[in-house]
Amino acid sequence: MKLTTYTDFGLRTLMYLATLPEGELTSVAHVSEVYQISRNHLVKVVNQLAREGYIRAVRGKNGGICLARPQADINVGQVIRSLENNLNGIDCGSPACYLVRVCRLKDALKLAMEAFLQVMDGYTLADLTDNRDELMVIFSELEPAKVVNLK
């Protein structure tokens, strides 16, 4: 099972937000800088996470993003289901496959995908970030250099 980059960015964003002090906001631009990923792509991911109720997005001058609910209430399997566009394991129509009528591979992959999601249902965002101290060390190393005004 390989997750799309879209889902990967979504999970990594949630993990970053989970390390922030409760109620602290950050920006999409900042998260994209930390991970060195496309801001435009991350905006799409964050918008979907906000629509799904995982992230709270505050507009305006002092706005930003943060988790919308406790980490323990964010189920990783459900996040994957909401972000992935193909959970069948295979796309039999692109390009069109001549075996579709008799193929057993698609059924085997569907069962494997269900097993994968069942395992992921056993994890919450809190489980993925219970090593917060270790994550904070890495995030502090990844933080974009701060510009100091010497005037």
C-alpha atoms as a PDB file:
ATOM      1  CA  MET A   1       0.000   0.000   0.000  1.00  0.00           C
ATOM      2  CA  LYS A   2       1.407   3.344  -1.021  1.00  0.00           C
ATOM      3  CA  LEU A   3      -0.354   6.511   0.023  1.00  0.00           C
ATOM      4  CA  THR A   4      -0.540   9.449  -2.333  1.00  0.00           C
ATOM      5  CA  THR A   5       1.628  12.496  -1.714  1.00  0.00           C
ATOM      6  CA  TYR A   6      -1.609  14.348  -0.934  1.00  0.00           C
ATOM      7  CA  THR A   7      -2.383  12.024   1.983  1.00  0.00           C
ATOM      8  CA  ASP A   8       1.246  12.041   3.102  1.00  0.00           C
ATOM      9  CA  PHE A   9       1.199  15.857   3.275  1.00  0.00           C
ATOM     10  CA  GLY A  10      -2.072  15.724   5.196  1.00  0.00           C
ATOM     11  CA  LEU A  11      -0.754  13.305   7.803  1.00  0.00           C
ATOM     12  CA  ARG A  12       2.520  15.209   8.181  1.00  0.00           C
ATOM     13  CA  THR A  13       0.630  18.479   8.597  1.00  0.00           C
ATOM     14  CA  LEU A  14      -1.530  16.969  11.337  1.00  0.00           C
ATOM     15  CA  MET A  15       1.576  15.619  13.074  1.00  0.00           C
ATOM     16  CA  TYR A  16       3.213  19.051  12.970  1.00  0.00           C
ATOM     17  CA  LEU A  17       0.096  20.751  14.319  1.00  0.00           C
ATOM     18  CA  ALA A  18      -0.097  18.158  17.096  1.00  0.00           C
ATOM     19  CA  THR A  19       3.293  19.310  18.414  1.00  0.00           C
ATOM     20  CA  LEU A  20       2.191  22.930  18.794  1.00  0.00           C
ATOM     21  CA  PRO A  21       1.030  24.167  22.192  1.00  0.00           C
ATOM     22  CA  GLU A  22      -2.757  23.942  22.436  1.00  0.00           C
ATOM     23  CA  GLY A  23      -4.454  26.861  20.707  1.00  0.00           C
ATOM     24  CA  GLU A  24      -1.286  28.099  18.989  1.00  0.00           C
ATOM     25  CA  LEU A  25      -1.731  28.923  15.325  1.00  0.00           C
ATOM     26  CA  THR A  26       0.757  28.489  12.515  1.00  0.00           C
ATOM     27  CA  SER A  27       0.502  29.214   8.811  1.00  0.00           C
ATOM     28  CA  VAL A  28       0.313  26.965   5.785  1.00  0.00           C
ATOM     29  CA  ALA A  29       3.363  28.815   4.462  1.00  0.00           C
ATOM     30  CA  HIS A  30       5.286  27.939   7.615  1.00  0.00           C
ATOM     31  CA  VAL A  31       4.356  24.238   7.468  1.00  0.00           C
ATOM     32  CA  SER A  32       5.306  24.122   3.787  1.00  0.00           C
ATOM     33  CA  GLU A  33       8.677  25.690   4.641  1.00  0.00           C
ATOM     34  CA  VAL A  34       9.318  23.218   7.465  1.00  0.00           C
ATOM     35  CA  TYR A  35       8.671  20.244   5.188  1.00  0.00           C
ATOM     36  CA  GLN A  36      10.055  21.958   2.066  1.00  0.00           C
ATOM     37  CA  ILE A  37       6.935  21.158   0.061  1.00  0.00           C
ATOM     38  CA  SER A  38       4.798  23.159  -2.339  1.00  0.00           C
ATOM     39  CA  ARG A  39       2.711  25.778  -0.537  1.00  0.00           C
ATOM     40  CA  ASN A  40       0.061  25.660  -3.280  1.00  0.00           C
ATOM     41  CA  HIS A  41      -0.297  21.887  -2.946  1.00  0.00           C
ATOM     42  CA  LEU A  42      -0.432  22.103   0.855  1.00  0.00           C
ATOM     43  CA  VAL A  43      -3.174  24.757   0.688  1.00  0.00           C
ATOM     44  CA  LYS A  44      -5.422  22.208  -1.062  1.00  0.00           C
ATOM     45  CA  VAL A  45      -4.657  19.554   1.544  1.00  0.00           C
ATOM     46  CA  VAL A  46      -5.261  21.935   4.456  1.00  0.00           C
ATOM     47  CA  ASN A  47      -8.537  23.128   2.941  1.00  0.00           C
ATOM     48  CA  GLN A  48      -9.793  19.549   2.770  1.00  0.00           C
ATOM     49  CA  LEU A  49      -8.608  18.799   6.308  1.00  0.00           C
ATOM     50  CA  ALA A  50     -10.499  21.898   7.455  1.00  0.00           C
ATOM     51  CA  ARG A  51     -13.660  20.835   5.587  1.00  0.00           C
ATOM     52  CA  GLU A  52     -13.385  17.394   7.208  1.00  0.00           C
ATOM     53  CA  GLY A  53     -13.124  19.006  10.652  1.00  0.00           C
ATOM     54  CA  TYR A  54      -9.554  17.983  11.490  1.00  0.00           C
ATOM     55  CA  ILE A  55      -8.047  21.476  11.221  1.00  0.00           C
ATOM     56  CA  ARG A  56      -9.401  24.859  12.276  1.00  0.00           C
ATOM     57  CA  ALA A  57      -8.461  27.610   9.835  1.00  0.00           C
ATOM     58  CA  VAL A  58      -8.671  31.203  11.032  1.00  0.00           C
ATOM     59  CA  ARG A  59      -8.626  33.875   8.327  1.00  0.00           C
ATOM     60  CA  GLY A  60      -7.207  37.332   8.650  1.00  0.00           C
ATOM     61  CA  LYS A  61      -4.104  39.149   9.776  1.00  0.00           C
ATOM     62  CA  ASN A  62      -3.636  37.088  12.951  1.00  0.00           C
ATOM     63  CA  GLY A  63      -5.038  33.932  11.431  1.00  0.00           C
ATOM     64  CA  GLY A  64      -3.547  30.542  10.872  1.00  0.00           C
ATOM     65  CA  ILE A  65      -4.249  26.848  11.333  1.00  0.00           C
ATOM     66  CA  CYS A  66      -4.375  24.488  14.292  1.00  0.00           C
ATOM     67  CA  LEU A  67      -6.004  21.191  15.200  1.00  0.00           C
ATOM     68  CA  ALA A  68      -9.772  21.431  15.452  1.00  0.00           C
ATOM     69  CA  ARG A  69     -10.110  18.589  17.947  1.00  0.00           C
ATOM     70  CA  PRO A  70      -7.998  16.652  20.422  1.00  0.00           C
ATOM     71  CA  GLN A  71      -5.316  14.404  18.943  1.00  0.00           C
ATOM     72  CA  ALA A  72      -6.857  11.352  20.569  1.00  0.00           C
ATOM     73  CA  ASP A  73     -10.073  12.031  18.615  1.00  0.00           C
ATOM     74  CA  ILE A  74      -8.370  12.039  15.201  1.00  0.00           C
ATOM     75  CA  ASN A  75      -8.391   8.500  13.815  1.00  0.00           C
ATOM     76  CA  VAL A  76      -5.617   7.878  11.291  1.00  0.00           C
ATOM     77  CA  GLY A  77      -7.669   5.359   9.276  1.00  0.00           C
ATOM     78  CA  GLN A  78     -10.471   7.890   8.890  1.00  0.00           C
ATOM     79  CA  VAL A  79      -8.025  10.613   7.829  1.00  0.00           C
ATOM     80  CA  ILE A  80      -6.621   8.295   5.155  1.00  0.00           C
ATOM     81  CA  ARG A  81     -10.126   7.439   3.934  1.00  0.00           C
ATOM     82  CA  SER A  82     -11.005  11.132   3.666  1.00  0.00           C
ATOM     83  CA  LEU A  83      -7.832  12.092   1.760  1.00  0.00           C
ATOM     84  CA  GLU A  84      -7.189   9.123  -0.537  1.00  0.00           C
ATOM     85  CA  ASN A  85      -9.068   9.145  -3.832  1.00  0.00           C
ATOM     86  CA  ASN A  86      -8.601   5.437  -4.655  1.00  0.00           C
ATOM     87  CA  LEU A  87      -8.874   2.851  -1.921  1.00  0.00           C
ATOM     88  CA  ASN A  88      -9.367  -0.059  -4.297  1.00  0.00           C
ATOM     89  CA  GLY A  89      -5.654  -0.762  -4.537  1.00  0.00           C
ATOM     90  CA  ILE A  90      -5.746  -0.665  -8.323  1.00  0.00           C
ATOM     91  CA  ASP A  91      -7.344   1.368 -11.090  1.00  0.00           C
ATOM     92  CA  CYS A  92      -8.708  -1.146 -13.576  1.00  0.00           C
ATOM     93  CA  GLY A  93      -9.838   1.516 -16.025  1.00  0.00           C
ATOM     94  CA  SER A  94      -6.667   3.493 -16.612  1.00  0.00           C
ATOM     95  CA  PRO A  95      -5.527   2.158 -18.951  1.00  0.00           C
ATOM     96  CA  ALA A  96      -8.431  -0.165 -19.580  1.00  0.00           C
ATOM     97  CA  CYS A  97      -7.601  -3.719 -18.539  1.00  0.00           C
ATOM     98  CA  TYR A  98      -8.868  -6.630 -20.602  1.00  0.00           C
ATOM     99  CA  LEU A  99      -8.900  -8.930 -17.554  1.00  0.00           C
ATOM    100  CA  VAL A 100     -11.540  -7.005 -15.582  1.00  0.00           C
ATOM    101  CA  ARG A 101     -14.371  -9.490 -16.185  1.00  0.00           C
ATOM    102  CA  VAL A 102     -12.442 -12.439 -14.731  1.00  0.00           C
ATOM    103  CA  CYS A 103      -9.720 -10.788 -12.647  1.00  0.00           C
ATOM    104  CA  ARG A 104      -9.229 -11.925  -9.063  1.00  0.00           C
ATOM    105  CA  LEU A 105      -6.400  -9.485  -8.382  1.00  0.00           C
ATOM    106  CA  LYS A 106      -8.797  -6.600  -7.740  1.00  0.00           C
ATOM    107  CA  ASP A 107     -10.656  -8.631  -5.083  1.00  0.00           C
ATOM    108  CA  ALA A 108      -7.400  -9.643  -3.383  1.00  0.00           C
ATOM    109  CA  LEU A 109      -6.199  -6.039  -3.379  1.00  0.00           C
ATOM    110  CA  LYS A 110      -9.535  -4.839  -1.996  1.00  0.00           C
ATOM    111  CA  LEU A 111      -9.211  -7.279   0.922  1.00  0.00           C
ATOM    112  CA  ALA A 112      -5.611  -6.174   1.505  1.00  0.00           C
ATOM    113  CA  MET A 113      -6.678  -2.528   1.491  1.00  0.00           C
ATOM    114  CA  GLU A 114      -9.445  -3.253   3.994  1.00  0.00           C
ATOM    115  CA  ALA A 115      -6.895  -4.989   6.252  1.00  0.00           C
ATOM    116  CA  PHE A 116      -4.524  -2.025   5.944  1.00  0.00           C
ATOM    117  CA  LEU A 117      -7.280   0.440   6.855  1.00  0.00           C
ATOM    118  CA  GLN A 118      -8.398  -1.748   9.748  1.00  0.00           C
ATOM    119  CA  VAL A 119      -4.862  -1.591  11.182  1.00  0.00           C
ATOM    120  CA  MET A 120      -4.752   2.179  10.668  1.00  0.00           C
ATOM    121  CA  ASP A 121      -8.128   2.481  12.424  1.00  0.00           C
ATOM    122  CA  GLY A 122      -6.295   1.323  15.550  1.00  0.00           C
ATOM    123  CA  TYR A 123      -4.167   4.490  15.603  1.00  0.00           C
ATOM    124  CA  THR A 124      -4.945   8.057  16.531  1.00  0.00           C
ATOM    125  CA  LEU A 125      -2.932  11.182  15.921  1.00  0.00           C
ATOM    126  CA  ALA A 126      -1.993  11.023  19.610  1.00  0.00           C
ATOM    127  CA  ASP A 127      -0.416   7.600  19.020  1.00  0.00           C
ATOM    128  CA  LEU A 128       1.667   8.987  16.160  1.00  0.00           C
ATOM    129  CA  THR A 129       2.881  11.940  18.204  1.00  0.00           C
ATOM    130  CA  ASP A 130       3.344  10.490  21.681  1.00  0.00           C
ATOM    131  CA  ASN A 131       7.076  10.956  21.072  1.00  0.00           C
ATOM    132  CA  ARG A 132       6.496  14.736  20.985  1.00  0.00           C
ATOM    133  CA  ASP A 133       9.917  15.532  22.479  1.00  0.00           C
ATOM    134  CA  GLU A 134      11.707  13.664  19.690  1.00  0.00           C
ATOM    135  CA  LEU A 135       9.514  15.286  17.050  1.00  0.00           C
ATOM    136  CA  MET A 136      10.186  18.730  18.499  1.00  0.00           C
ATOM    137  CA  VAL A 137      13.949  18.206  18.127  1.00  0.00           C
ATOM    138  CA  ILE A 138      13.518  17.373  14.453  1.00  0.00           C
ATOM    139  CA  PHE A 139      11.069  20.206  13.829  1.00  0.00           C
ATOM    140  CA  SER A 140      13.410  22.698  15.513  1.00  0.00           C
ATOM    141  CA  GLU A 141      16.166  21.578  13.122  1.00  0.00           C
ATOM    142  CA  LEU A 142      13.817  22.014  10.160  1.00  0.00           C
ATOM    143  CA  GLU A 143      12.502  25.427  11.196  1.00  0.00           C
ATOM    144  CA  PRO A 144      13.220  28.071   8.562  1.00  0.00           C
ATOM    145  CA  ALA A 145      16.007  30.431   9.600  1.00  0.00           C
ATOM    146  CA  LYS A 146      14.623  33.425  11.418  1.00  0.00           C
ATOM    147  CA  VAL A 147      15.734  36.845  10.184  1.00  0.00           C
ATOM    148  CA  VAL A 148      17.040  39.035  12.990  1.00  0.00           C
ATOM    149  CA  ASN A 149      16.604  42.771  12.612  1.00  0.00           C
ATOM    150  CA  LEU A 150      19.749  44.440  14.000  1.00  0.00           C
ATOM    151  CA  LYS A 151      18.437  48.004  13.773  1.00  0.00           C
END
